[in-house]
């Protein structure tokens, strides 16, 4: 069957499925491919991966997982495709491909997300691709049952290599289904208002021109609010120093386990799903999918009883929320002074001292020749301009090269009076 011959309506469910959702009220599943994907073991695993890593250590209700977020991205993209401007822009196979990509865009995330990736040099984007293309996964089998090229096409949308830029923009751009859902969802579950913006207005002003997404000039203020909402969510929620303390502690635990392994330390309990990562092996998709947060938390509970005092202490601190304190770092000399003081107090600074230097840019201006990566604005005369050319606020952000940094140093709470 040629791709263009696919008819989505023939795979319509006899009765639609809905998920209740605090962000979108209802998430609608009208077609069998998406229902089957949702019920694959790879998608269900996302119920065991927190959306916000350690943020629930600060905002205690931020317990949501990557599963409802993935459904939410699907719903936002589905609503985009229902807009009048998309009529005649995509064929049924392209609609199938981009909605599958929306559902599966996070399927490769590991436990505690970016902290896990940082230590073991794994990429959730790479594993998302591998999970989609691996013929042994249920996700691949579902996709391939509708067209043998569908796994490859879905992966190419997520990888941003698909020949149709419109499909990529829907899932991954500076204003896409992914970002719009996670800002609203994370703001809701953290009990904050930082991430709120007018998604309805943005969707009402969305247009398709020359196979690319643009927005009417009347929607510029809503887009400005969206950009600022993302900026404030990073500094007030995602980069909250307590959240970062939790993540630094997690990284130190992994570092200690790896160092002990390299020294030949005899671990008292087997950790079969973690050890391939510790040993630096080429981890298979099957082994990767075994690793989720419940698995790691179980291992940490076992390691509380290990004979190595440092690892035992770090795991206890992690599980009991005895997090490290932090100080704003003045300069390198300040860091050296803190390091020396900790060493005098008997702490191994390889595991009891961590520096953090997060960065976040509100809007990335790529310039001429990279219009597809920009937010483009459609003026009443039909001309299309890049957002910084139309928005005084975004222009000021770009010109100021606003790239806030926040250097902090983390150390055990009990020595704060000595530092």
Foldseek 3Di string as FASTA:
>chain_A
DDLLPDDQVVQFDPDWDWDQDPQPRIQIGGGDLVVQLCPFLLLVLQQQAQPQQLLCVPLVLSRGTVNVLLSQLLRQLVVLCPDPQNVPVDGPSLVVLLSLLSNLLQSQAFHSGPLLCVQLVDDSLVLSLVLLPPPPGSNVVSQVVRPVCSSVSSNCLSVVNHPQLLSVQQRDALDHSNLLSVLSVSCVRSVHCLSDFPVVLQSVQWHADPSAIAGALVCLVRVVSNLRSVVCCCVVGSVDPLSVQLSLLVNLLLVVVLVCVVVVNDWPDDLVLCVCSSVSHPDDSVSRSVGGNVSVLVVLVSQLPTPPPLNVVSSCCNVVVQTWDKDFDDDPVSVVVVVVLCVVVPDDCSRFKDKDKDKDQSADDPDPPPVRNFHWYQYPVGDIDGSLVSDVVVVVSVVVVDIDITMMMTGGPVCVVVD
